[in-house]
């Protein structure tokens, strides 16, 4: 299994340090790592193997591949494989939602509690955006593949992703002006990068 670190993370560490938001960034990265571990655990249960782990500026990514025997059966049982991908993709956001519910009920210091709850809620919402390779995009793509086949699913996934990024850019631009938070700008750049990579 390979491990890769995107060196742009150093830029983000410096940026969030200069803006006084380093603690927020580190909490988000910690729960992003735990989010990926949830994907990994469900993947291992469903007989997928980790191929690569990548640390990126806004989180982590684990590349899971089906077992060799499953690859042989993929053509025959492709819908079952897509269902497995859906369960793996759901594991991360559900972990973050569980953390929101759990920490909301814990009696801990309010500032830390709010930081953990909002960080996990942010990861939950961000990862459900229907842009591939985010979890929301993976889930929608697998559902489309089950009902429409691979070729039509890929075409419709691009339409969904383009619509989502256009709406998010509009909403994000208003949010940047209202909240005056540069992090929203970088999140939009990250999302645009994902969309453009898929094209």
C-alpha atoms as a PDB file:
ATOM      1  CA  UNK A   1       0.000   0.000   0.000  1.00  0.00           C
ATOM      2  CA  UNK A   2       1.343   3.432  -1.011  1.00  0.00           C
ATOM      3  CA  UNK A   3       1.161   6.596   1.093  1.00  0.00           C
ATOM      4  CA  UNK A   4       1.325   9.988  -0.634  1.00  0.00           C
ATOM      5  CA  UNK A   5       1.321  13.534   0.783  1.00  0.00           C
ATOM      6  CA  UNK A   6       0.234  16.482  -1.367  1.00  0.00           C
ATOM      7  CA  UNK A   7       2.799  19.191  -0.540  1.00  0.00           C
ATOM      8  CA  UNK A   8       0.179  21.937  -1.010  1.00  0.00           C
ATOM      9  CA  UNK A   9      -0.800  21.018   2.535  1.00  0.00           C
ATOM     10  CA  UNK A  10       2.209  23.085   3.740  1.00  0.00           C
ATOM     11  CA  UNK A  11       0.698  26.177   2.100  1.00  0.00           C
ATOM     12  CA  UNK A  12      -2.607  25.575   3.888  1.00  0.00           C
ATOM     13  CA  UNK A  13      -0.868  24.990   7.227  1.00  0.00           C
ATOM     14  CA  UNK A  14       0.924  28.332   6.817  1.00  0.00           C
ATOM     15  CA  UNK A  15      -2.247  30.113   5.648  1.00  0.00           C
ATOM     16  CA  UNK A  16      -4.421  28.873   8.506  1.00  0.00           C
ATOM     17  CA  UNK A  17      -1.617  29.581  10.963  1.00  0.00           C
ATOM     18  CA  UNK A  18      -1.347  33.196   9.734  1.00  0.00           C
ATOM     19  CA  UNK A  19      -5.122  33.688   9.918  1.00  0.00           C
ATOM     20  CA  UNK A  20      -5.300  32.235  13.444  1.00  0.00           C
ATOM     21  CA  UNK A  21      -7.384  29.250  12.335  1.00  0.00           C
ATOM     22  CA  UNK A  22      -4.744  26.515  12.636  1.00  0.00           C
ATOM     23  CA  UNK A  23      -6.617  24.767  15.472  1.00  0.00           C
ATOM     24  CA  UNK A  24      -9.781  24.618  13.349  1.00  0.00           C
ATOM     25  CA  UNK A  25      -7.813  23.241  10.384  1.00  0.00           C
ATOM     26  CA  UNK A  26      -6.120  20.548  12.502  1.00  0.00           C
ATOM     27  CA  UNK A  27      -9.449  19.446  14.038  1.00  0.00           C
ATOM     28  CA  UNK A  28     -11.011  19.199  10.567  1.00  0.00           C
ATOM     29  CA  UNK A  29      -8.011  17.173   9.321  1.00  0.00           C
ATOM     30  CA  UNK A  30      -8.187  14.836  12.333  1.00  0.00           C
ATOM     31  CA  UNK A  31     -11.856  14.060  11.732  1.00  0.00           C
ATOM     32  CA  UNK A  32     -11.232  13.827   7.967  1.00  0.00           C
ATOM     33  CA  UNK A  33      -8.697  11.085   8.769  1.00  0.00           C
ATOM     34  CA  UNK A  34     -11.218   9.289  10.992  1.00  0.00           C
ATOM     35  CA  UNK A  35     -13.805   9.708   8.211  1.00  0.00           C
ATOM     36  CA  UNK A  36     -11.458   7.870   5.816  1.00  0.00           C
ATOM     37  CA  UNK A  37     -10.780   5.165   8.396  1.00  0.00           C
ATOM     38  CA  UNK A  38     -14.561   4.546   8.459  1.00  0.00           C
ATOM     39  CA  UNK A  39     -14.416   4.039   4.665  1.00  0.00           C
ATOM     40  CA  UNK A  40     -11.438   1.724   5.121  1.00  0.00           C
ATOM     41  CA  UNK A  41     -13.141  -0.423   7.783  1.00  0.00           C
ATOM     42  CA  UNK A  42     -16.310  -0.900   5.722  1.00  0.00           C
ATOM     43  CA  UNK A  43     -14.161  -1.579   2.651  1.00  0.00           C
ATOM     44  CA  UNK A  44     -12.203  -4.292   4.475  1.00  0.00           C
ATOM     45  CA  UNK A  45     -15.459  -5.843   5.750  1.00  0.00           C
ATOM     46  CA  UNK A  46     -16.703  -5.920   2.124  1.00  0.00           C
ATOM     47  CA  UNK A  47     -13.401  -7.551   1.019  1.00  0.00           C
ATOM     48  CA  UNK A  48     -11.845  -4.483  -0.621  1.00  0.00           C
ATOM     49  CA  UNK A  49      -8.117  -3.853  -0.243  1.00  0.00           C
ATOM     50  CA  UNK A  50      -6.441  -0.477   0.323  1.00  0.00           C
ATOM     51  CA  UNK A  51      -4.205   0.421  -2.617  1.00  0.00           C
ATOM     52  CA  UNK A  52      -3.164   3.973  -1.718  1.00  0.00           C
ATOM     53  CA  UNK A  53      -3.681   6.541   1.031  1.00  0.00           C
ATOM     54  CA  UNK A  54      -3.258  10.190   0.109  1.00  0.00           C
ATOM     55  CA  UNK A  55      -3.091  13.184   2.439  1.00  0.00           C
ATOM     56  CA  UNK A  56      -4.459  16.270   0.682  1.00  0.00           C
ATOM     57  CA  UNK A  57      -4.990  19.898   1.801  1.00  0.00           C
ATOM     58  CA  UNK A  58      -8.663  19.275   2.645  1.00  0.00           C
ATOM     59  CA  UNK A  59      -8.517  15.737   3.931  1.00  0.00           C
ATOM     60  CA  UNK A  60      -7.483  12.226   3.075  1.00  0.00           C
ATOM     61  CA  UNK A  61      -8.341   9.791   0.320  1.00  0.00           C
ATOM     62  CA  UNK A  62      -8.098   6.006   0.381  1.00  0.00           C
ATOM     63  CA  UNK A  63      -8.163   4.088  -2.891  1.00  0.00           C
ATOM     64  CA  UNK A  64      -9.894   0.765  -2.297  1.00  0.00           C
ATOM     65  CA  UNK A  65      -9.938  -2.017  -4.872  1.00  0.00           C
ATOM     66  CA  UNK A  66     -12.131  -5.119  -4.887  1.00  0.00           C
ATOM     67  CA  UNK A  67     -10.714  -8.522  -4.007  1.00  0.00           C
ATOM     68  CA  UNK A  68      -9.308 -10.471  -7.000  1.00  0.00           C
ATOM     69  CA  UNK A  69     -12.193 -12.928  -6.820  1.00  0.00           C
ATOM     70  CA  UNK A  70     -14.690 -10.044  -6.807  1.00  0.00           C
ATOM     71  CA  UNK A  71     -13.015  -8.566  -9.897  1.00  0.00           C
ATOM     72  CA  UNK A  72     -13.675 -11.847 -11.739  1.00  0.00           C
ATOM     73  CA  UNK A  73     -17.331 -11.714 -10.666  1.00  0.00           C
ATOM     74  CA  UNK A  74     -17.764  -7.990 -11.402  1.00  0.00           C
ATOM     75  CA  UNK A  75     -19.271  -8.454 -14.847  1.00  0.00           C
ATOM     76  CA  UNK A  76     -21.812 -10.952 -13.564  1.00  0.00           C
ATOM     77  CA  UNK A  77     -22.587  -9.142 -10.302  1.00  0.00           C
ATOM     78  CA  UNK A  78     -21.814  -5.529 -11.212  1.00  0.00           C
ATOM     79  CA  UNK A  79     -24.858  -4.171  -9.343  1.00  0.00           C
ATOM     80  CA  UNK A  80     -23.714  -5.903  -6.159  1.00  0.00           C
ATOM     81  CA  UNK A  81     -20.284  -4.288  -6.538  1.00  0.00           C
ATOM     82  CA  UNK A  82     -21.921  -0.862  -7.015  1.00  0.00           C
ATOM     83  CA  UNK A  83     -23.957  -1.449  -3.819  1.00  0.00           C
ATOM     84  CA  UNK A  84     -20.702  -2.197  -1.987  1.00  0.00           C
ATOM     85  CA  UNK A  85     -19.264   1.091  -3.295  1.00  0.00           C
ATOM     86  CA  UNK A  86     -22.360   2.905  -1.994  1.00  0.00           C
ATOM     87  CA  UNK A  87     -21.930   1.390   1.505  1.00  0.00           C
ATOM     88  CA  UNK A  88     -18.233   2.298   1.532  1.00  0.00           C
ATOM     89  CA  UNK A  89     -18.992   5.877   0.420  1.00  0.00           C
ATOM     90  CA  UNK A  90     -21.737   6.279   3.050  1.00  0.00           C
ATOM     91  CA  UNK A  91     -19.443   5.136   5.882  1.00  0.00           C
ATOM     92  CA  UNK A  92     -17.449   8.399   6.073  1.00  0.00           C
ATOM     93  CA  UNK A  93     -20.346  10.889   6.175  1.00  0.00           C
ATOM     94  CA  UNK A  94     -22.285   8.661   8.590  1.00  0.00           C
ATOM     95  CA  UNK A  95     -19.239   8.600  10.883  1.00  0.00           C
ATOM     96  CA  UNK A  96     -19.175  12.422  10.854  1.00  0.00           C
ATOM     97  CA  UNK A  97     -22.915  12.592  11.560  1.00  0.00           C
ATOM     98  CA  UNK A  98     -22.436  10.169  14.469  1.00  0.00           C
ATOM     99  CA  UNK A  99     -19.666  12.427  15.844  1.00  0.00           C
ATOM    100  CA  UNK A 100     -22.007  15.457  15.613  1.00  0.00           C
ATOM    101  CA  UNK A 101     -24.698  13.608  17.586  1.00  0.00           C
ATOM    102  CA  UNK A 102     -22.217  12.165  20.107  1.00  0.00           C
ATOM    103  CA  UNK A 103     -20.287  15.374  20.844  1.00  0.00           C
ATOM    104  CA  UNK A 104     -23.490  17.420  20.978  1.00  0.00           C
ATOM    105  CA  UNK A 105     -24.553  15.268  23.943  1.00  0.00           C
ATOM    106  CA  UNK A 106     -21.175  15.233  25.741  1.00  0.00           C
ATOM    107  CA  UNK A 107     -20.560  17.554  28.641  1.00  0.00           C
ATOM    108  CA  UNK A 108     -17.230  19.077  27.584  1.00  0.00           C
ATOM    109  CA  UNK A 109     -15.855  22.612  27.298  1.00  0.00           C
ATOM    110  CA  UNK A 110     -18.183  24.592  24.975  1.00  0.00           C
ATOM    111  CA  UNK A 111     -15.565  26.046  22.614  1.00  0.00           C
ATOM    112  CA  UNK A 112     -13.995  22.632  21.937  1.00  0.00           C
ATOM    113  CA  UNK A 113     -17.421  20.993  21.707  1.00  0.00           C
ATOM    114  CA  UNK A 114     -18.601  23.563  19.121  1.00  0.00           C
ATOM    115  CA  UNK A 115     -15.387  23.193  17.124  1.00  0.00           C
ATOM    116  CA  UNK A 116     -15.712  19.400  16.957  1.00  0.00           C
ATOM    117  CA  UNK A 117     -19.457  19.492  16.190  1.00  0.00           C
ATOM    118  CA  UNK A 118     -19.107  22.132  13.442  1.00  0.00           C
ATOM    119  CA  UNK A 119     -16.020  20.433  11.950  1.00  0.00           C
ATOM    120  CA  UNK A 120     -17.848  17.125  11.680  1.00  0.00           C
ATOM    121  CA  UNK A 121     -20.992  18.773  10.332  1.00  0.00           C
ATOM    122  CA  UNK A 122     -18.831  20.555   7.733  1.00  0.00           C
ATOM    123  CA  UNK A 123     -17.222  17.243   6.694  1.00  0.00           C
ATOM    124  CA  UNK A 124     -20.640  15.565   6.572  1.00  0.00           C
ATOM    125  CA  UNK A 125     -22.105  18.233   4.271  1.00  0.00           C
ATOM    126  CA  UNK A 126     -18.966  18.693   2.133  1.00  0.00           C
ATOM    127  CA  UNK A 127     -18.622  14.987   1.453  1.00  0.00           C
ATOM    128  CA  UNK A 128     -22.255  14.609   0.386  1.00  0.00           C
ATOM    129  CA  UNK A 129     -21.866  17.182  -2.421  1.00  0.00           C
ATOM    130  CA  UNK A 130     -22.620  15.316  -5.675  1.00  0.00           C
ATOM    131  CA  UNK A 131     -19.197  15.892  -7.217  1.00  0.00           C
ATOM    132  CA  UNK A 132     -16.978  12.898  -7.928  1.00  0.00           C
ATOM    133  CA  UNK A 133     -14.740  11.772  -6.146  1.00  0.00           C
ATOM    134  CA  UNK A 134     -16.494  13.154  -3.051  1.00  0.00           C
ATOM    135  CA  UNK A 135     -18.695  10.590  -1.313  1.00  0.00           C
ATOM    136  CA  UNK A 136     -21.893  12.186  -2.623  1.00  0.00           C
ATOM    137  CA  UNK A 137     -20.553  11.898  -6.164  1.00  0.00           C
ATOM    138  CA  UNK A 138     -19.557   8.277  -5.595  1.00  0.00           C
ATOM    139  CA  UNK A 139     -23.005   7.420  -4.241  1.00  0.00           C
ATOM    140  CA  UNK A 140     -24.871   9.152  -7.091  1.00  0.00           C
ATOM    141  CA  UNK A 141     -22.542   7.606  -9.694  1.00  0.00           C
ATOM    142  CA  UNK A 142     -23.087   4.095  -8.332  1.00  0.00           C
ATOM    143  CA  UNK A 143     -26.871   4.574  -8.189  1.00  0.00           C
ATOM    144  CA  UNK A 144     -26.874   5.872 -11.770  1.00  0.00           C
ATOM    145  CA  UNK A 145     -24.721   2.936 -12.902  1.00  0.00           C
ATOM    146  CA  UNK A 146     -27.190   0.477 -11.378  1.00  0.00           C
ATOM    147  CA  UNK A 147     -30.194   2.046 -13.127  1.00  0.00           C
ATOM    148  CA  UNK A 148     -28.683   3.542 -16.299  1.00  0.00           C
ATOM    149  CA  UNK A 149     -25.538   1.593 -17.095  1.00  0.00           C
ATOM    150  CA  UNK A 150     -21.975   2.906 -17.063  1.00  0.00           C
ATOM    151  CA  UNK A 151     -21.948   5.132 -20.168  1.00  0.00           C
ATOM    152  CA  UNK A 152     -25.157   7.070 -19.480  1.00  0.00           C
ATOM    153  CA  UNK A 153     -24.300   7.273 -15.772  1.00  0.00           C
ATOM    154  CA  UNK A 154     -20.963   8.984 -16.527  1.00  0.00           C
ATOM    155  CA  UNK A 155     -22.683  11.507 -18.814  1.00  0.00           C
ATOM    156  CA  UNK A 156     -25.388  12.322 -16.250  1.00  0.00           C
ATOM    157  CA  UNK A 157     -22.829  12.482 -13.435  1.00  0.00           C
ATOM    158  CA  UNK A 158     -21.008  15.278 -15.290  1.00  0.00           C
ATOM    159  CA  UNK A 159     -24.270  17.222 -15.667  1.00  0.00           C
ATOM    160  CA  UNK A 160     -25.001  16.805 -11.941  1.00  0.00           C
ATOM    161  CA  UNK A 161     -21.449  17.846 -10.955  1.00  0.00           C
ATOM    162  CA  UNK A 162     -21.515  20.907 -13.241  1.00  0.00           C
ATOM    163  CA  UNK A 163     -24.877  22.004 -11.840  1.00  0.00           C
ATOM    164  CA  UNK A 164     -23.675  21.467  -8.266  1.00  0.00           C
ATOM    165  CA  UNK A 165     -20.451  23.464  -8.741  1.00  0.00           C
ATOM    166  CA  UNK A 166     -22.351  26.335 -10.420  1.00  0.00           C
ATOM    167  CA  UNK A 167     -24.822  26.542  -7.504  1.00  0.00           C
ATOM    168  CA  UNK A 168     -22.045  26.234  -4.917  1.00  0.00           C
ATOM    169  CA  UNK A 169     -20.015  28.975  -6.612  1.00  0.00           C
ATOM    170  CA  UNK A 170     -23.021  31.308  -6.488  1.00  0.00           C
ATOM    171  CA  UNK A 171     -23.837  30.480  -2.837  1.00  0.00           C
ATOM    172  CA  UNK A 172     -20.140  30.470  -1.872  1.00  0.00           C
ATOM    173  CA  UNK A 173     -19.564  33.915  -3.411  1.00  0.00           C
ATOM    174  CA  UNK A 174     -22.375  35.354  -1.306  1.00  0.00           C
ATOM    175  CA  UNK A 175     -21.043  33.532   1.780  1.00  0.00           C
ATOM    176  CA  UNK A 176     -17.524  34.953   1.223  1.00  0.00           C
ATOM    177  CA  UNK A 177     -18.925  38.481   1.111  1.00  0.00           C
ATOM    178  CA  UNK A 178     -21.179  37.919   4.129  1.00  0.00           C
ATOM    179  CA  UNK A 179     -18.831  35.953   6.423  1.00  0.00           C
ATOM    180  CA  UNK A 180     -15.556  37.399   5.063  1.00  0.00           C
ATOM    181  CA  UNK A 181     -13.968  33.963   5.434  1.00  0.00           C
ATOM    182  CA  UNK A 182     -11.181  33.101   2.994  1.00  0.00           C
ATOM    183  CA  UNK A 183     -11.575  29.373   3.744  1.00  0.00           C
ATOM    184  CA  UNK A 184     -14.784  29.337   1.658  1.00  0.00           C
ATOM    185  CA  UNK A 185     -12.779  30.625  -1.328  1.00  0.00           C
ATOM    186  CA  UNK A 186     -10.237  27.790  -0.994  1.00  0.00           C
ATOM    187  CA  UNK A 187     -12.986  25.186  -0.623  1.00  0.00           C
ATOM    188  CA  UNK A 188     -14.548  26.450  -3.870  1.00  0.00           C
ATOM    189  CA  UNK A 189     -11.159  26.234  -5.623  1.00  0.00           C
ATOM    190  CA  UNK A 190     -10.787  22.675  -4.330  1.00  0.00           C
ATOM    191  CA  UNK A 191     -14.257  21.724  -5.626  1.00  0.00           C
ATOM    192  CA  UNK A 192     -13.615  23.357  -9.009  1.00  0.00           C
ATOM    193  CA  UNK A 193     -10.351  21.406  -9.202  1.00  0.00           C
ATOM    194  CA  UNK A 194     -12.266  18.145  -8.657  1.00  0.00           C
ATOM    195  CA  UNK A 195     -14.793  19.001 -11.370  1.00  0.00           C
ATOM    196  CA  UNK A 196     -12.128  20.035 -13.878  1.00  0.00           C
ATOM    197  CA  UNK A 197     -10.050  16.899 -13.187  1.00  0.00           C
ATOM    198  CA  UNK A 198     -13.067  14.746 -14.065  1.00  0.00           C
ATOM    199  CA  UNK A 199     -13.460  16.552 -17.394  1.00  0.00           C
END
